[in-house]
Amino acid sequence: QVQLVESGGGFVQAGGSLRLSCAASGSISNFDNAGWYRQAPGQQRELVASISGGGITYIKESVKGRFTISINTATDTVYLQMNSLKPEDTAVYYCNVVKDYNSIWGRGTQVTVSS
């Protein structure tokens, strides 16, 4: 089964940028949906951004204009570009890919934004 590994998280000051990557161990071409979720301490996991196999994107309102999701099926990698980061963006970010009715999760990468 395909496995996902996130990278690119870290510690950044408010206003800074990070680019998260989610590398798949196998092909994710013809995927149904790919998304980035985040979970802050004491909070439920929430959808931040997603992209469908047809190219339709969803961006959470609070990150619109700052976050962008993209996917490269040639390299089997999903990206989340995060600009103008705010302290409230601090969370563990998880990658999810749905393909052939299978929902696959990565282990997450920590993003910490200082004020």
N, C-alpha and C. Protein backbone atom coordinates (compact mmCIF):
# COMPACT_ATOMS: atom_id res chain seq x y z
N GLN A 1 0.83 -1.19 0.00
CA GLN A 1 0.00 0.00 0.00
C GLN A 1 0.88 1.25 0.00
N VAL A 2 0.38 2.27 -0.67
CA VAL A 2 1.12 3.52 -0.75
C VAL A 2 1.22 4.14 0.64
N GLN A 3 2.40 4.66 0.96
CA GLN A 3 2.60 5.39 2.21
C GLN A 3 2.94 6.83 1.88
N LEU A 4 2.58 7.73 2.82
CA LEU A 4 2.82 9.16 2.64
C LEU A 4 3.77 9.66 3.72
N VAL A 5 4.72 10.48 3.33
CA VAL A 5 5.66 11.07 4.29
C VAL A 5 5.70 12.57 4.08
N GLU A 6 5.31 13.30 5.13
CA GLU A 6 5.33 14.76 5.06
C GLU A 6 6.70 15.30 5.48
N SER A 7 7.04 16.44 4.94
CA SER A 7 8.26 17.13 5.33
C SER A 7 8.08 18.63 5.08
N GLY A 8 9.02 19.41 5.60
CA GLY A 8 8.98 20.84 5.35
C GLY A 8 8.48 21.67 6.51
N GLY A 9 8.00 21.00 7.56
CA GLY A 9 7.54 21.75 8.72
C GLY A 9 8.72 22.33 9.48
N GLY A 10 8.40 23.15 10.48
CA GLY A 10 9.46 23.73 11.27
C GLY A 10 8.97 24.91 12.07
N PHE A 11 9.94 25.69 12.53
CA PHE A 11 9.67 26.86 13.35
C PHE A 11 9.90 28.10 12.50
N VAL A 12 8.92 29.00 12.49
CA VAL A 12 9.04 30.20 11.67
C VAL A 12 8.38 31.37 12.40
N GLN A 13 8.87 32.55 12.15
CA GLN A 13 8.26 33.74 12.74
C GLN A 13 7.02 34.14 11.94
N ALA A 14 6.13 34.83 12.61
CA ALA A 14 4.92 35.32 11.94
C ALA A 14 5.30 36.14 10.71
N GLY A 15 4.57 35.91 9.65
CA GLY A 15 4.87 36.57 8.38
C GLY A 15 5.75 35.76 7.47
N GLY A 16 6.33 34.70 8.00
CA GLY A 16 7.21 33.86 7.21
C GLY A 16 6.47 32.85 6.35
N SER A 17 7.25 32.04 5.65
CA SER A 17 6.68 31.05 4.73
C SER A 17 7.29 29.68 4.96
N LEU A 18 6.52 28.67 4.65
CA LEU A 18 6.98 27.30 4.63
C LEU A 18 6.31 26.58 3.46
N ARG A 19 7.01 25.60 2.94
CA ARG A 19 6.43 24.75 1.91
C ARG A 19 6.46 23.32 2.41
N LEU A 20 5.27 22.77 2.59
CA LEU A 20 5.16 21.38 3.03
C LEU A 20 5.12 20.47 1.80
N SER A 21 5.77 19.33 1.93
CA SER A 21 5.75 18.32 0.87
C SER A 21 5.21 17.02 1.43
N CYS A 22 4.53 16.31 0.61
CA CYS A 22 3.98 15.00 0.98
C CYS A 22 4.39 14.03 -0.12
N ALA A 23 5.36 13.20 0.18
CA ALA A 23 5.88 12.27 -0.82
C ALA A 23 5.21 10.91 -0.67
N ALA A 24 4.71 10.40 -1.78
CA ALA A 24 4.07 9.08 -1.78
C ALA A 24 5.08 8.01 -2.20
N SER A 25 4.96 6.83 -1.58
CA SER A 25 5.89 5.75 -1.90
C SER A 25 5.52 5.03 -3.18
N GLY A 26 4.34 5.34 -3.72
CA GLY A 26 3.91 4.75 -4.97
C GLY A 26 3.13 5.76 -5.78
N SER A 27 2.60 5.32 -6.87
CA SER A 27 1.90 6.23 -7.76
C SER A 27 0.59 6.72 -7.15
N ILE A 28 0.37 8.01 -7.28
CA ILE A 28 -0.91 8.58 -6.87
C ILE A 28 -1.63 9.19 -8.08
N SER A 29 -1.20 8.78 -9.26
CA SER A 29 -1.92 9.25 -10.44
C SER A 29 -3.32 8.68 -10.40
N ASN A 30 -4.24 9.36 -11.07
CA ASN A 30 -5.64 8.97 -11.04
C ASN A 30 -6.21 8.96 -9.61
N PHE A 31 -5.66 9.85 -8.77
CA PHE A 31 -6.16 9.95 -7.40
C PHE A 31 -7.55 10.55 -7.41
N ASP A 32 -8.30 10.30 -6.36
CA ASP A 32 -9.64 10.87 -6.23
C ASP A 32 -9.59 12.24 -5.59
N ASN A 33 -8.80 12.35 -4.52
CA ASN A 33 -8.70 13.61 -3.80
C ASN A 33 -7.43 13.62 -2.97
N ALA A 34 -6.83 14.78 -2.83
CA ALA A 34 -5.65 14.94 -1.97
C ALA A 34 -5.86 16.18 -1.12
N GLY A 35 -5.45 16.10 0.12
CA GLY A 35 -5.69 17.24 0.99
C GLY A 35 -4.67 17.37 2.10
N TRP A 36 -4.63 18.55 2.66
CA TRP A 36 -3.83 18.84 3.85
C TRP A 36 -4.78 19.19 4.99
N TYR A 37 -4.56 18.55 6.12
CA TYR A 37 -5.32 18.80 7.33
C TYR A 37 -4.35 19.29 8.39
N ARG A 38 -4.91 19.88 9.43
CA ARG A 38 -4.07 20.27 10.56
C ARG A 38 -4.81 20.04 11.87
N GLN A 39 -4.02 19.83 12.89
CA GLN A 39 -4.60 19.63 14.22
C GLN A 39 -3.75 20.36 15.24
N ALA A 40 -4.36 21.34 15.88
CA ALA A 40 -3.69 22.09 16.94
C ALA A 40 -3.98 21.40 18.27
N PRO A 41 -3.16 21.62 19.28
CA PRO A 41 -3.36 20.98 20.58
C PRO A 41 -4.76 21.26 21.13
N GLY A 42 -5.44 20.20 21.53
CA GLY A 42 -6.77 20.34 22.08
C GLY A 42 -7.86 20.62 21.07
N GLN A 43 -7.50 20.60 19.80
CA GLN A 43 -8.49 20.89 18.75
C GLN A 43 -8.71 19.65 17.88
N GLN A 44 -9.83 19.68 17.16
CA GLN A 44 -10.09 18.60 16.21
C GLN A 44 -9.29 18.83 14.93
N ARG A 45 -9.03 17.75 14.24
CA ARG A 45 -8.34 17.86 12.96
C ARG A 45 -9.27 18.56 11.98
N GLU A 46 -8.72 19.50 11.21
CA GLU A 46 -9.54 20.24 10.27
C GLU A 46 -8.90 20.27 8.89
N LEU A 47 -9.74 20.33 7.88
CA LEU A 47 -9.28 20.40 6.50
C LEU A 47 -8.80 21.82 6.21
N VAL A 48 -7.60 21.91 5.66
CA VAL A 48 -7.03 23.21 5.31
C VAL A 48 -7.16 23.47 3.82
N ALA A 49 -6.83 22.47 3.03
CA ALA A 49 -6.88 22.64 1.57
C ALA A 49 -6.99 21.27 0.93
N SER A 50 -7.65 21.21 -0.21
CA SER A 50 -7.75 19.96 -0.93
C SER A 50 -7.81 20.21 -2.42
N ILE A 51 -7.51 19.16 -3.16
CA ILE A 51 -7.59 19.23 -4.61
C ILE A 51 -8.14 17.90 -5.10
N SER A 52 -9.10 17.97 -6.00
CA SER A 52 -9.70 16.75 -6.52
C SER A 52 -8.94 16.26 -7.74
N GLY A 53 -9.24 15.03 -8.14
CA GLY A 53 -8.61 14.50 -9.34
C GLY A 53 -8.94 15.32 -10.58
N GLY A 54 -10.06 16.02 -10.52
CA GLY A 54 -10.46 16.88 -11.63
C GLY A 54 -9.88 18.28 -11.53
N GLY A 55 -9.09 18.53 -10.49
CA GLY A 55 -8.42 19.81 -10.37
C GLY A 55 -9.16 20.87 -9.59
N ILE A 56 -10.28 20.48 -8.98
CA ILE A 56 -11.04 21.46 -8.19
C ILE A 56 -10.40 21.60 -6.82
N THR A 57 -10.14 22.82 -6.43
CA THR A 57 -9.48 23.06 -5.15
C THR A 57 -10.44 23.65 -4.12
N TYR A 58 -10.13 23.36 -2.89
CA TYR A 58 -10.84 23.97 -1.75
C TYR A 58 -9.77 24.54 -0.82
N ILE A 59 -9.99 25.74 -0.35
CA ILE A 59 -9.09 26.38 0.61
C ILE A 59 -9.93 26.89 1.78
N LYS A 60 -9.52 26.53 2.96
CA LYS A 60 -10.22 27.01 4.16
C LYS A 60 -10.21 28.53 4.18
N GLU A 61 -11.32 29.10 4.57
CA GLU A 61 -11.49 30.55 4.51
C GLU A 61 -10.38 31.31 5.21
N SER A 62 -9.99 30.83 6.37
CA SER A 62 -9.01 31.56 7.17
C SER A 62 -7.60 31.56 6.58
N VAL A 63 -7.36 30.72 5.57
CA VAL A 63 -6.03 30.69 4.95
C VAL A 63 -6.07 31.09 3.48
N LYS A 64 -7.23 31.48 3.00
CA LYS A 64 -7.34 31.92 1.60
C LYS A 64 -6.43 33.10 1.33
N GLY A 65 -5.78 33.04 0.19
CA GLY A 65 -4.85 34.11 -0.16
C GLY A 65 -3.47 33.91 0.43
N ARG A 66 -3.34 32.95 1.36
CA ARG A 66 -2.04 32.70 1.98
C ARG A 66 -1.52 31.29 1.67
N PHE A 67 -2.40 30.31 1.58
CA PHE A 67 -2.01 28.91 1.34
C PHE A 67 -2.41 28.49 -0.06
N THR A 68 -1.59 27.65 -0.65
CA THR A 68 -1.88 27.10 -1.97
C THR A 68 -1.55 25.61 -1.98
N ILE A 69 -2.45 24.81 -2.49
CA ILE A 69 -2.21 23.38 -2.61
C ILE A 69 -1.92 23.05 -4.07
N SER A 70 -0.99 22.13 -4.27
CA SER A 70 -0.69 21.68 -5.62
C SER A 70 -0.24 20.23 -5.56
N ILE A 71 -0.25 19.59 -6.71
CA ILE A 71 0.14 18.19 -6.77
C ILE A 71 0.92 17.94 -8.05
N ASN A 72 1.96 17.14 -7.93
CA ASN A 72 2.76 16.75 -9.08
C ASN A 72 2.66 15.24 -9.19
N THR A 73 1.83 14.76 -10.10
CA THR A 73 1.63 13.32 -10.23
C THR A 73 2.83 12.64 -10.88
N ALA A 74 3.69 13.41 -11.53
CA ALA A 74 4.90 12.82 -12.12
C ALA A 74 5.88 12.40 -11.03
N THR A 75 5.88 13.16 -9.92
CA THR A 75 6.78 12.83 -8.81
C THR A 75 6.02 12.30 -7.60
N ASP A 76 4.69 12.17 -7.75
CA ASP A 76 3.85 11.64 -6.67
C ASP A 76 4.03 12.44 -5.38
N THR A 77 3.93 13.75 -5.50
CA THR A 77 4.13 14.64 -4.37
C THR A 77 3.02 15.67 -4.31
N VAL A 78 2.52 15.89 -3.11
CA VAL A 78 1.52 16.92 -2.86
C VAL A 78 2.19 18.03 -2.05
N TYR A 79 1.89 19.26 -2.42
CA TYR A 79 2.54 20.40 -1.76
C TYR A 79 1.50 21.30 -1.09
N LEU A 80 1.96 22.00 -0.05
CA LEU A 80 1.18 23.06 0.55
C LEU A 80 2.12 24.24 0.76
N GLN A 81 1.94 25.27 -0.05
CA GLN A 81 2.72 26.49 0.11
C GLN A 81 2.00 27.39 1.09
N MET A 82 2.70 27.78 2.14
CA MET A 82 2.08 28.59 3.19
C MET A 82 2.86 29.89 3.33
N ASN A 83 2.19 30.99 3.06
CA ASN A 83 2.80 32.31 3.15
C ASN A 83 2.10 33.13 4.23
N SER A 84 2.74 34.20 4.65
CA SER A 84 2.17 35.11 5.65
C SER A 84 1.65 34.33 6.85
N LEU A 85 2.45 33.45 7.36
CA LEU A 85 2.01 32.58 8.45
C LEU A 85 1.70 33.37 9.71
N LYS A 86 0.72 32.87 10.44
CA LYS A 86 0.27 33.49 11.68
C LYS A 86 0.41 32.49 12.83
N PRO A 87 0.51 32.98 14.04
CA PRO A 87 0.61 32.06 15.19
C PRO A 87 -0.53 31.04 15.23
N GLU A 88 -1.71 31.45 14.79
CA GLU A 88 -2.85 30.52 14.81
C GLU A 88 -2.74 29.41 13.77
N ASP A 89 -1.74 29.47 12.91
CA ASP A 89 -1.49 28.38 11.97
C ASP A 89 -0.66 27.26 12.61
N THR A 90 -0.22 27.47 13.83
CA THR A 90 0.56 26.46 14.52
C THR A 90 -0.25 25.19 14.72
N ALA A 91 0.29 24.07 14.26
CA ALA A 91 -0.42 22.79 14.33
C ALA A 91 0.47 21.70 13.73
N VAL A 92 0.03 20.47 13.88
CA VAL A 92 0.60 19.36 13.12
C VAL A 92 -0.19 19.26 11.82
N TYR A 93 0.52 19.25 10.73
CA TYR A 93 -0.11 19.20 9.41
C TYR A 93 0.01 17.79 8.83
N TYR A 94 -1.13 17.28 8.38
CA TYR A 94 -1.20 15.92 7.85
C TYR A 94 -1.61 15.94 6.38
N CYS A 95 -1.01 15.06 5.63
CA CYS A 95 -1.37 14.86 4.23
C CYS A 95 -2.33 13.67 4.12
N ASN A 96 -3.28 13.78 3.23
CA ASN A 96 -4.23 12.69 2.98
C ASN A 96 -4.45 12.54 1.49
N VAL A 97 -4.44 11.31 1.02
CA VAL A 97 -4.74 11.01 -0.38
C VAL A 97 -5.79 9.91 -0.42
N VAL A 98 -6.80 10.14 -1.23
CA VAL A 98 -7.83 9.13 -1.44
C VAL A 98 -7.68 8.62 -2.87
N LYS A 99 -7.49 7.33 -2.97
CA LYS A 99 -7.34 6.72 -4.30
C LYS A 99 -7.94 5.33 -4.26
N ASP A 100 -8.73 5.02 -5.26
CA ASP A 100 -9.36 3.70 -5.33
C ASP A 100 -10.09 3.37 -4.03
N TYR A 101 -10.76 4.36 -3.48
CA TYR A 101 -11.56 4.20 -2.26
C TYR A 101 -10.71 3.97 -1.01
N ASN A 102 -9.42 4.08 -1.13
CA ASN A 102 -8.54 3.97 0.03
C ASN A 102 -8.14 5.36 0.49
N SER A 103 -8.26 5.62 1.78
CA SER A 103 -7.85 6.89 2.37
C SER A 103 -6.54 6.68 3.10
N ILE A 104 -5.51 7.37 2.64
CA ILE A 104 -4.16 7.17 3.17
C ILE A 104 -3.71 8.44 3.88
N TRP A 105 -3.13 8.26 5.07
CA TRP A 105 -2.66 9.40 5.86
C TRP A 105 -1.16 9.32 6.10
N GLY A 106 -0.55 10.47 6.14
CA GLY A 106 0.83 10.55 6.59
C GLY A 106 0.85 10.71 8.10
N ARG A 107 2.07 10.76 8.66
CA ARG A 107 2.22 10.86 10.12
C ARG A 107 2.23 12.30 10.60
N GLY A 108 2.34 13.22 9.70
CA GLY A 108 2.26 14.62 10.08
C GLY A 108 3.61 15.30 10.23
N THR A 109 3.58 16.61 10.11
CA THR A 109 4.77 17.43 10.31
C THR A 109 4.37 18.67 11.12
N GLN A 110 5.19 19.01 12.09
CA GLN A 110 4.86 20.10 13.00
C GLN A 110 5.21 21.44 12.37
N VAL A 111 4.28 22.37 12.46
CA VAL A 111 4.51 23.75 12.06
C VAL A 111 4.27 24.63 13.28
N THR A 112 5.27 25.42 13.63
CA THR A 112 5.15 26.32 14.77
C THR A 112 5.46 27.74 14.32
N VAL A 113 4.52 28.64 14.55
CA VAL A 113 4.67 30.03 14.13
C VAL A 113 4.72 30.91 15.39
N SER A 114 5.82 31.63 15.55
CA SER A 114 5.96 32.49 16.72
C SER A 114 5.51 33.91 16.40
N SER A 115 5.01 34.57 17.42
CA SER A 115 4.52 35.95 17.23
C SER A 115 5.63 36.97 17.37
